[in-house]
Amino acid sequence: MIFITNTMPRKYPSHFYEPIRREIAVEQMKHDFRKLLPSLSGMEIAKVDRAIAGWFDGEEYELEPVHDFWNFFGGFARSLKLKSLLSWVTAENII
């Protein structure tokens, strides 16, 4: 999956905008939503996948783009015992 970040002003550290970090977070959240919501049909899960992918840019909700995406991923990772994944994906010194 390739993400094209729009021309939103960058007010957070640059590593939070790196496409690979975003891709890892999106794929993990999509994977976990599928496990949490097994009764969704293929079309419904496709809508969930699109929504998750749009959170970074603020396309699928009305909160703060980038900031709320990473906050949500952090809360999601902590609640599913993926604490180490959170620090690996968001640490500036991890390339």
PDB file of N, CA and C in Angstrom:
ATOM      1  N   MET A   1       0.841  -1.162   0.000  1.00  0.00           N
ATOM      2  CA  MET A   1       0.000   0.000   0.000  1.00  0.00           C
ATOM      3  C   MET A   1       0.894   1.235   0.000  1.00  0.00           C
ATOM      4  N   ILE A   2       0.647   2.164  -0.890  1.00  0.00           N
ATOM      5  CA  ILE A   2       1.422   3.390  -0.971  1.00  0.00           C
ATOM      6  C   ILE A   2       0.528   4.542  -0.542  1.00  0.00           C
ATOM      7  N   PHE A   3       1.058   5.376   0.325  1.00  0.00           N
ATOM      8  CA  PHE A   3       0.314   6.524   0.804  1.00  0.00           C
ATOM      9  C   PHE A   3       0.902   7.783   0.202  1.00  0.00           C
ATOM     10  N   ILE A   4       0.056   8.652  -0.238  1.00  0.00           N
ATOM     11  CA  ILE A   4       0.484   9.958  -0.724  1.00  0.00           C
ATOM     12  C   ILE A   4      -0.061  10.971   0.267  1.00  0.00           C
ATOM     13  N   THR A   5       0.835  11.566   1.012  1.00  0.00           N
ATOM     14  CA  THR A   5       0.409  12.541   2.003  1.00  0.00           C
ATOM     15  C   THR A   5       0.106  13.849   1.307  1.00  0.00           C
ATOM     16  N   ASN A   6      -1.028  14.415   1.633  1.00  0.00           N
ATOM     17  CA  ASN A   6      -1.402  15.674   0.998  1.00  0.00           C
ATOM     18  C   ASN A   6      -0.481  16.801   1.454  1.00  0.00           C
ATOM     19  N   THR A   7      -0.795  17.985   1.097  1.00  0.00           N
ATOM     20  CA  THR A   7       0.070  19.122   1.388  1.00  0.00           C
ATOM     21  C   THR A   7      -0.246  19.772   2.726  1.00  0.00           C
ATOM     22  N   MET A   8      -0.733  18.984   3.666  1.00  0.00           N
ATOM     23  CA  MET A   8      -1.036  19.534   4.987  1.00  0.00           C
ATOM     24  C   MET A   8       0.241  20.078   5.624  1.00  0.00           C
ATOM     25  N   PRO A   9       0.129  21.157   6.391  1.00  0.00           N
ATOM     26  CA  PRO A   9       1.312  21.681   7.075  1.00  0.00           C
ATOM     27  C   PRO A   9       1.844  20.647   8.056  1.00  0.00           C
ATOM     28  N   ARG A  10       3.122  20.559   8.155  1.00  0.00           N
ATOM     29  CA  ARG A  10       3.744  19.570   9.043  1.00  0.00           C
ATOM     30  C   ARG A  10       4.112  20.234  10.357  1.00  0.00           C
ATOM     31  N   LYS A  11       3.364  19.885  11.400  1.00  0.00           N
ATOM     32  CA  LYS A  11       3.631  20.490  12.699  1.00  0.00           C
ATOM     33  C   LYS A  11       4.161  19.498  13.718  1.00  0.00           C
ATOM     34  N   TYR A  12       4.438  18.283  13.289  1.00  0.00           N
ATOM     35  CA  TYR A  12       4.984  17.251  14.166  1.00  0.00           C
ATOM     36  C   TYR A  12       6.340  16.835  13.614  1.00  0.00           C
ATOM     37  N   PRO A  13       7.136  16.120  14.404  1.00  0.00           N
ATOM     38  CA  PRO A  13       8.449  15.681  13.909  1.00  0.00           C
ATOM     39  C   PRO A  13       8.321  14.907  12.588  1.00  0.00           C
ATOM     40  N   SER A  14       9.286  15.075  11.721  1.00  0.00           N
ATOM     41  CA  SER A  14       9.199  14.536  10.358  1.00  0.00           C
ATOM     42  C   SER A  14       9.040  13.018  10.308  1.00  0.00           C
ATOM     43  N   HIS A  15       9.584  12.299  11.289  1.00  0.00           N
ATOM     44  CA  HIS A  15       9.470  10.842  11.227  1.00  0.00           C
ATOM     45  C   HIS A  15       8.022  10.370  11.349  1.00  0.00           C
ATOM     46  N   PHE A  16       7.130  11.194  11.911  1.00  0.00           N
ATOM     47  CA  PHE A  16       5.718  10.809  12.002  1.00  0.00           C
ATOM     48  C   PHE A  16       5.023  10.824  10.643  1.00  0.00           C
ATOM     49  N   TYR A  17       5.662  11.402   9.651  1.00  0.00           N
ATOM     50  CA  TYR A  17       5.087  11.477   8.309  1.00  0.00           C
ATOM     51  C   TYR A  17       5.677  10.430   7.358  1.00  0.00           C
ATOM     52  N   GLU A  18       6.635   9.626   7.831  1.00  0.00           N
ATOM     53  CA  GLU A  18       7.271   8.635   6.968  1.00  0.00           C
ATOM     54  C   GLU A  18       6.243   7.585   6.553  1.00  0.00           C
ATOM     55  N   PRO A  19       6.119   7.344   5.248  1.00  0.00           N
ATOM     56  CA  PRO A  19       5.099   6.411   4.748  1.00  0.00           C
ATOM     57  C   PRO A  19       5.185   5.004   5.341  1.00  0.00           C
ATOM     58  N   ILE A  20       6.383   4.494   5.589  1.00  0.00           N
ATOM     59  CA  ILE A  20       6.493   3.120   6.102  1.00  0.00           C
ATOM     60  C   ILE A  20       5.915   3.020   7.511  1.00  0.00           C
ATOM     61  N   ARG A  21       6.102   4.036   8.324  1.00  0.00           N
ATOM     62  CA  ARG A  21       5.540   4.019   9.682  1.00  0.00           C
ATOM     63  C   ARG A  21       4.016   4.025   9.615  1.00  0.00           C
ATOM     64  N   ARG A  22       3.506   4.896   8.762  1.00  0.00           N
ATOM     65  CA  ARG A  22       2.059   4.974   8.585  1.00  0.00           C
ATOM     66  C   ARG A  22       1.502   3.647   8.071  1.00  0.00           C
ATOM     67  N   GLU A  23       2.184   3.049   7.119  1.00  0.00           N
ATOM     68  CA  GLU A  23       1.719   1.786   6.549  1.00  0.00           C
ATOM     69  C   GLU A  23       1.676   0.677   7.597  1.00  0.00           C
ATOM     70  N   ILE A  24       2.704   0.601   8.425  1.00  0.00           N
ATOM     71  CA  ILE A  24       2.724  -0.417   9.486  1.00  0.00           C
ATOM     72  C   ILE A  24       1.549  -0.209  10.438  1.00  0.00           C
ATOM     73  N   ALA A  25       1.327   1.021  10.857  1.00  0.00           N
ATOM     74  CA  ALA A  25       0.232   1.309  11.786  1.00  0.00           C
ATOM     75  C   ALA A  25      -1.118   0.989  11.161  1.00  0.00           C
ATOM     76  N   VAL A  26      -1.329   1.411   9.922  1.00  0.00           N
ATOM     77  CA  VAL A  26      -2.609   1.158   9.245  1.00  0.00           C
ATOM     78  C   VAL A  26      -2.841  -0.336   9.095  1.00  0.00           C
ATOM     79  N   GLU A  27      -1.844  -1.061   8.627  1.00  0.00           N
ATOM     80  CA  GLU A  27      -2.014  -2.499   8.418  1.00  0.00           C
ATOM     81  C   GLU A  27      -2.289  -3.228   9.733  1.00  0.00           C
ATOM     82  N   GLN A  28      -1.623  -2.816  10.807  1.00  0.00           N
ATOM     83  CA  GLN A  28      -1.865  -3.453  12.105  1.00  0.00           C
ATOM     84  C   GLN A  28      -3.284  -3.175  12.592  1.00  0.00           C
ATOM     85  N   MET A  29      -3.742  -1.920  12.450  1.00  0.00           N
ATOM     86  CA  MET A  29      -5.095  -1.599  12.895  1.00  0.00           C
ATOM     87  C   MET A  29      -6.139  -2.326  12.040  1.00  0.00           C
ATOM     88  N   LYS A  30      -5.925  -2.398  10.740  1.00  0.00           N
ATOM     89  CA  LYS A  30      -6.860  -3.123   9.874  1.00  0.00           C
ATOM     90  C   LYS A  30      -6.912  -4.595  10.271  1.00  0.00           C
ATOM     91  N   HIS A  31      -5.763  -5.185  10.521  1.00  0.00           N
ATOM     92  CA  HIS A  31      -5.692  -6.594  10.928  1.00  0.00           C
ATOM     93  C   HIS A  31      -6.474  -6.830  12.224  1.00  0.00           C
ATOM     94  N   ASP A  32      -6.254  -5.939  13.188  1.00  0.00           N
ATOM     95  CA  ASP A  32      -6.911  -6.120  14.473  1.00  0.00           C
ATOM     96  C   ASP A  32      -8.410  -5.848  14.410  1.00  0.00           C
ATOM     97  N   PHE A  33      -8.829  -4.890  13.601  1.00  0.00           N
ATOM     98  CA  PHE A  33     -10.266  -4.663  13.442  1.00  0.00           C
ATOM     99  C   PHE A  33     -10.938  -5.889  12.828  1.00  0.00           C
ATOM    100  N   ARG A  34     -10.281  -6.547  11.901  1.00  0.00           N
ATOM    101  CA  ARG A  34     -10.853  -7.762  11.306  1.00  0.00           C
ATOM    102  C   ARG A  34     -11.024  -8.852  12.364  1.00  0.00           C
ATOM    103  N   LYS A  35     -10.053  -8.958  13.284  1.00  0.00           N
ATOM    104  CA  LYS A  35     -10.177  -9.944  14.359  1.00  0.00           C
ATOM    105  C   LYS A  35     -11.271  -9.571  15.347  1.00  0.00           C
ATOM    106  N   LEU A  36     -11.400  -8.269  15.633  1.00  0.00           N
ATOM    107  CA  LEU A  36     -12.388  -7.810  16.605  1.00  0.00           C
ATOM    108  C   LEU A  36     -13.810  -7.823  16.066  1.00  0.00           C
ATOM    109  N   LEU A  37     -13.957  -7.712  14.738  1.00  0.00           N
ATOM    110  CA  LEU A  37     -15.275  -7.620  14.118  1.00  0.00           C
ATOM    111  C   LEU A  37     -15.450  -8.720  13.063  1.00  0.00           C
ATOM    112  N   PRO A  38     -15.426  -9.981  13.475  1.00  0.00           N
ATOM    113  CA  PRO A  38     -15.459 -11.075  12.505  1.00  0.00           C
ATOM    114  C   PRO A  38     -16.778 -11.199  11.742  1.00  0.00           C
ATOM    115  N   SER A  39     -17.820 -10.588  12.237  1.00  0.00           N
ATOM    116  CA  SER A  39     -19.118 -10.726  11.578  1.00  0.00           C
ATOM    117  C   SER A  39     -19.298  -9.761  10.405  1.00  0.00           C
ATOM    118  N   LEU A  40     -18.367  -8.844  10.185  1.00  0.00           N
ATOM    119  CA  LEU A  40     -18.505  -7.910   9.075  1.00  0.00           C
ATOM    120  C   LEU A  40     -18.348  -8.634   7.739  1.00  0.00           C
ATOM    121  N   SER A  41     -19.145  -8.211   6.766  1.00  0.00           N
ATOM    122  CA  SER A  41     -19.038  -8.782   5.425  1.00  0.00           C
ATOM    123  C   SER A  41     -17.835  -8.174   4.706  1.00  0.00           C
ATOM    124  N   GLY A  42     -17.510  -8.708   3.557  1.00  0.00           N
ATOM    125  CA  GLY A  42     -16.395  -8.203   2.774  1.00  0.00           C
ATOM    126  C   GLY A  42     -16.524  -6.735   2.433  1.00  0.00           C
ATOM    127  N   MET A  43     -17.746  -6.310   2.064  1.00  0.00           N
ATOM    128  CA  MET A  43     -17.960  -4.902   1.723  1.00  0.00           C
ATOM    129  C   MET A  43     -17.842  -4.012   2.957  1.00  0.00           C
ATOM    130  N   GLU A  44     -18.311  -4.500   4.082  1.00  0.00           N
ATOM    131  CA  GLU A  44     -18.239  -3.720   5.317  1.00  0.00           C
ATOM    132  C   GLU A  44     -16.796  -3.568   5.774  1.00  0.00           C
ATOM    133  N   ILE A  45     -16.033  -4.648   5.700  1.00  0.00           N
ATOM    134  CA  ILE A  45     -14.635  -4.570   6.138  1.00  0.00           C
ATOM    135  C   ILE A  45     -13.836  -3.688   5.192  1.00  0.00           C
ATOM    136  N   ALA A  46     -14.198  -3.658   3.913  1.00  0.00           N
ATOM    137  CA  ALA A  46     -13.533  -2.763   2.957  1.00  0.00           C
ATOM    138  C   ALA A  46     -13.781  -1.303   3.344  1.00  0.00           C
ATOM    139  N   LYS A  47     -14.982  -0.999   3.825  1.00  0.00           N
ATOM    140  CA  LYS A  47     -15.285   0.362   4.288  1.00  0.00           C
ATOM    141  C   LYS A  47     -14.456   0.705   5.522  1.00  0.00           C
ATOM    142  N   VAL A  48     -14.323  -0.247   6.429  1.00  0.00           N
ATOM    143  CA  VAL A  48     -13.512  -0.029   7.626  1.00  0.00           C
ATOM    144  C   VAL A  48     -12.055   0.206   7.215  1.00  0.00           C
ATOM    145  N   ASP A  49     -11.550  -0.608   6.291  1.00  0.00           N
ATOM    146  CA  ASP A  49     -10.169  -0.453   5.817  1.00  0.00           C
ATOM    147  C   ASP A  49      -9.939   0.935   5.224  1.00  0.00           C
ATOM    148  N   ARG A  50     -10.870   1.402   4.406  1.00  0.00           N
ATOM    149  CA  ARG A  50     -10.734   2.738   3.803  1.00  0.00           C
ATOM    150  C   ARG A  50     -10.777   3.824   4.872  1.00  0.00           C
ATOM    151  N   ALA A  51     -11.642   3.642   5.833  1.00  0.00           N
ATOM    152  CA  ALA A  51     -11.736   4.627   6.915  1.00  0.00           C
ATOM    153  C   ALA A  51     -10.417   4.702   7.683  1.00  0.00           C
ATOM    154  N   ILE A  52      -9.868   3.564   8.053  1.00  0.00           N
ATOM    155  CA  ILE A  52      -8.600   3.538   8.801  1.00  0.00           C
ATOM    156  C   ILE A  52      -7.497   4.212   7.992  1.00  0.00           C
ATOM    157  N   ALA A  53      -7.419   3.901   6.711  1.00  0.00           N
ATOM    158  CA  ALA A  53      -6.386   4.499   5.856  1.00  0.00           C
ATOM    159  C   ALA A  53      -6.553   6.013   5.754  1.00  0.00           C
ATOM    160  N   GLY A  54      -7.768   6.522   5.909  1.00  0.00           N
ATOM    161  CA  GLY A  54      -8.021   7.952   5.812  1.00  0.00           C
ATOM    162  C   GLY A  54      -7.829   8.718   7.103  1.00  0.00           C
ATOM    163  N   TRP A  55      -7.639   8.034   8.212  1.00  0.00           N
ATOM    164  CA  TRP A  55      -7.502   8.717   9.496  1.00  0.00           C
ATOM    165  C   TRP A  55      -6.292   9.636   9.533  1.00  0.00           C
ATOM    166  N   PHE A  56      -5.193   9.240   8.933  1.00  0.00           N
ATOM    167  CA  PHE A  56      -3.961  10.030   8.991  1.00  0.00           C
ATOM    168  C   PHE A  56      -4.186  11.432   8.435  1.00  0.00           C
ATOM    169  N   ASP A  57      -4.878  11.516   7.310  1.00  0.00           N
ATOM    170  CA  ASP A  57      -5.119  12.797   6.648  1.00  0.00           C
ATOM    171  C   ASP A  57      -6.385  13.495   7.142  1.00  0.00           C
ATOM    172  N   GLY A  58      -7.107  12.870   8.048  1.00  0.00           N
ATOM    173  CA  GLY A  58      -8.334  13.464   8.563  1.00  0.00           C
ATOM    174  C   GLY A  58      -9.486  13.372   7.585  1.00  0.00           C
ATOM    175  N   GLU A  59      -9.419  12.421   6.655  1.00  0.00           N
ATOM    176  CA  GLU A  59     -10.465  12.282   5.653  1.00  0.00           C
ATOM    177  C   GLU A  59     -11.708  11.577   6.169  1.00  0.00           C
ATOM    178  N   GLU A  60     -11.579  10.753   7.155  1.00  0.00           N
ATOM    179  CA  GLU A  60     -12.688   9.911   7.593  1.00  0.00           C
ATOM    180  C   GLU A  60     -13.264  10.302   8.954  1.00  0.00           C
ATOM    181  N   TYR A  61     -12.836  11.396   9.488  1.00  0.00           N
ATOM    182  CA  TYR A  61     -13.384  11.871  10.757  1.00  0.00           C
ATOM    183  C   TYR A  61     -13.023  13.334  10.915  1.00  0.00           C
ATOM    184  N   GLU A  62     -13.528  13.966  11.932  1.00  0.00           N
ATOM    185  CA  GLU A  62     -13.389  15.412  12.065  1.00  0.00           C
ATOM    186  C   GLU A  62     -12.416  15.838  13.158  1.00  0.00           C
ATOM    187  N   LEU A  63     -11.509  14.970  13.522  1.00  0.00           N
ATOM    188  CA  LEU A  63     -10.551  15.318  14.557  1.00  0.00           C
ATOM    189  C   LEU A  63      -9.250  15.801  13.923  1.00  0.00           C
ATOM    190  N   GLU A  64      -8.209  15.887  14.680  1.00  0.00           N
ATOM    191  CA  GLU A  64      -6.935  16.429  14.217  1.00  0.00           C
ATOM    192  C   GLU A  64      -6.149  15.388  13.404  1.00  0.00           C
ATOM    193  N   PRO A  65      -5.910  15.652  12.111  1.00  0.00           N
ATOM    194  CA  PRO A  65      -5.112  14.718  11.307  1.00  0.00           C
ATOM    195  C   PRO A  65      -3.723  14.525  11.917  1.00  0.00           C
ATOM    196  N   VAL A  66      -3.102  13.438  11.635  1.00  0.00           N
ATOM    197  CA  VAL A  66      -1.776  13.029  12.093  1.00  0.00           C
ATOM    198  C   VAL A  66      -1.778  12.791  13.604  1.00  0.00           C
ATOM    199  N   HIS A  67      -2.022  13.809  14.385  1.00  0.00           N
ATOM    200  CA  HIS A  67      -2.007  13.703  15.842  1.00  0.00           C
ATOM    201  C   HIS A  67      -2.962  12.621  16.340  1.00  0.00           C
ATOM    202  N   ASP A  68      -4.210  12.687  15.920  1.00  0.00           N
ATOM    203  CA  ASP A  68      -5.194  11.719  16.396  1.00  0.00           C
ATOM    204  C   ASP A  68      -4.958  10.327  15.811  1.00  0.00           C
ATOM    205  N   PHE A  69      -4.411  10.261  14.605  1.00  0.00           N
ATOM    206  CA  PHE A  69      -4.052   8.967  14.024  1.00  0.00           C
ATOM    207  C   PHE A  69      -3.056   8.257  14.934  1.00  0.00           C
ATOM    208  N   TRP A  70      -1.972   8.961  15.305  1.00  0.00           N
ATOM    209  CA  TRP A  70      -0.953   8.334  16.146  1.00  0.00           C
ATOM    210  C   TRP A  70      -1.457   8.101  17.566  1.00  0.00           C
ATOM    211  N   ASN A  71      -2.294   8.987  18.093  1.00  0.00           N
ATOM    212  CA  ASN A  71      -2.880   8.755  19.411  1.00  0.00           C
ATOM    213  C   ASN A  71      -3.759   7.508  19.394  1.00  0.00           C
ATOM    214  N   PHE A  72      -4.556   7.373  18.343  1.00  0.00           N
ATOM    215  CA  PHE A  72      -5.421   6.203  18.250  1.00  0.00           C
ATOM    216  C   PHE A  72      -4.592   4.939  18.114  1.00  0.00           C
ATOM    217  N   PHE A  73      -3.584   4.959  17.265  1.00  0.00           N
ATOM    218  CA  PHE A  73      -2.716   3.787  17.119  1.00  0.00           C
ATOM    219  C   PHE A  73      -2.059   3.448  18.461  1.00  0.00           C
ATOM    220  N   GLY A  74      -1.615   4.474  19.184  1.00  0.00           N
ATOM    221  CA  GLY A  74      -0.999   4.242  20.485  1.00  0.00           C
ATOM    222  C   GLY A  74      -1.957   3.594  21.471  1.00  0.00           C
ATOM    223  N   GLY A  75      -3.173   4.101  21.536  1.00  0.00           N
ATOM    224  CA  GLY A  75      -4.164   3.510  22.430  1.00  0.00           C
ATOM    225  C   GLY A  75      -4.527   2.103  22.018  1.00  0.00           C
ATOM    226  N   PHE A  76      -4.645   1.907  20.724  1.00  0.00           N
ATOM    227  CA  PHE A  76      -4.975   0.584  20.192  1.00  0.00           C
ATOM    228  C   PHE A  76      -3.860  -0.408  20.502  1.00  0.00           C
ATOM    229  N   ALA A  77      -2.617   0.003  20.265  1.00  0.00           N
ATOM    230  CA  ALA A  77      -1.479  -0.880  20.506  1.00  0.00           C
ATOM    231  C   ALA A  77      -1.347  -1.220  21.984  1.00  0.00           C
ATOM    232  N   ARG A  78      -1.528  -0.223  22.840  1.00  0.00           N
ATOM    233  CA  ARG A  78      -1.424  -0.488  24.282  1.00  0.00           C
ATOM    234  C   ARG A  78      -2.526  -1.434  24.758  1.00  0.00           C
ATOM    235  N   SER A  79      -3.723  -1.261  24.225  1.00  0.00           N
ATOM    236  CA  SER A  79      -4.832  -2.086  24.702  1.00  0.00           C
ATOM    237  C   SER A  79      -4.735  -3.527  24.202  1.00  0.00           C
ATOM    238  N   LEU A  80      -4.026  -3.747  23.104  1.00  0.00           N
ATOM    239  CA  LEU A  80      -3.887  -5.103  22.568  1.00  0.00           C
ATOM    240  C   LEU A  80      -2.517  -5.704  22.864  1.00  0.00           C
ATOM    241  N   LYS A  81      -1.836  -5.141  23.859  1.00  0.00           N
ATOM    242  CA  LYS A  81      -0.544  -5.645  24.304  1.00  0.00           C
ATOM    243  C   LYS A  81       0.507  -5.619  23.200  1.00  0.00           C
ATOM    244  N   LEU A  82       0.456  -4.584  22.366  1.00  0.00           N
ATOM    245  CA  LEU A  82       1.445  -4.405  21.306  1.00  0.00           C
ATOM    246  C   LEU A  82       2.364  -3.233  21.656  1.00  0.00           C
ATOM    247  N   LYS A  83       2.666  -3.086  22.934  1.00  0.00           N
ATOM    248  CA  LYS A  83       3.416  -1.928  23.398  1.00  0.00           C
ATOM    249  C   LYS A  83       4.745  -1.763  22.681  1.00  0.00           C
ATOM    250  N   SER A  84       5.442  -2.843  22.421  1.00  0.00           N
ATOM    251  CA  SER A  84       6.739  -2.715  21.758  1.00  0.00           C
ATOM    252  C   SER A  84       6.570  -2.248  20.314  1.00  0.00           C
ATOM    253  N   LEU A  85       5.503  -2.669  19.647  1.00  0.00           N
ATOM    254  CA  LEU A  85       5.261  -2.214  18.283  1.00  0.00           C
ATOM    255  C   LEU A  85       5.079  -0.708  18.248  1.00  0.00           C
ATOM    256  N   LEU A  86       4.368  -0.175  19.209  1.00  0.00           N
ATOM    257  CA  LEU A  86       4.143   1.266  19.283  1.00  0.00           C
ATOM    258  C   LEU A  86       5.466   2.017  19.341  1.00  0.00           C
ATOM    259  N   SER A  87       6.366   1.614  20.213  1.00  0.00           N
ATOM    260  CA  SER A  87       7.629   2.342  20.342  1.00  0.00           C
ATOM    261  C   SER A  87       8.511   2.163  19.112  1.00  0.00           C
ATOM    262  N   TRP A  88       8.474   1.003  18.485  1.00  0.00           N
ATOM    263  CA  TRP A  88       9.284   0.800  17.270  1.00  0.00           C
ATOM    264  C   TRP A  88       8.786   1.667  16.121  1.00  0.00           C
ATOM    265  N   VAL A  89       7.483   1.770  15.981  1.00  0.00           N
ATOM    266  CA  VAL A  89       6.912   2.511  14.848  1.00  0.00           C
ATOM    267  C   VAL A  89       7.033   4.028  15.038  1.00  0.00           C
ATOM    268  N   THR A  90       7.008   4.496  16.271  1.00  0.00           N
ATOM    269  CA  THR A  90       7.000   5.936  16.495  1.00  0.00           C
ATOM    270  C   THR A  90       8.327   6.517  16.971  1.00  0.00           C
ATOM    271  N   ALA A  91       9.325   5.698  17.245  1.00  0.00           N
ATOM    272  CA  ALA A  91      10.613   6.211  17.728  1.00  0.00           C
ATOM    273  C   ALA A  91      11.398   6.864  16.601  1.00  0.00           C
ATOM    274  N   GLU A  92      11.906   8.045  16.867  1.00  0.00           N
ATOM    275  CA  GLU A  92      12.649   8.785  15.847  1.00  0.00           C
ATOM    276  C   GLU A  92      13.946   8.077  15.459  1.00  0.00           C
ATOM    277  N   ASN A  93      14.561   7.368  16.404  1.00  0.00           N
ATOM    278  CA  ASN A  93      15.854   6.738  16.115  1.00  0.00           C
ATOM    279  C   ASN A  93      15.704   5.369  15.420  1.00  0.00           C
ATOM    280  N   ILE A  94      14.511   4.914  15.160  1.00  0.00           N
ATOM    281  CA  ILE A  94      14.289   3.674  14.430  1.00  0.00           C
ATOM    282  C   ILE A  94      14.089   4.017  12.954  1.00  0.00           C
ATOM    283  N   ILE A  95      14.889   3.392  12.118  1.00  0.00           N
ATOM    284  CA  ILE A  95      14.787   3.646  10.682  1.00  0.00           C
ATOM    285  C   ILE A  95      14.262   2.408   9.996  1.00  0.00           C
TER     286      ILE A  95
END
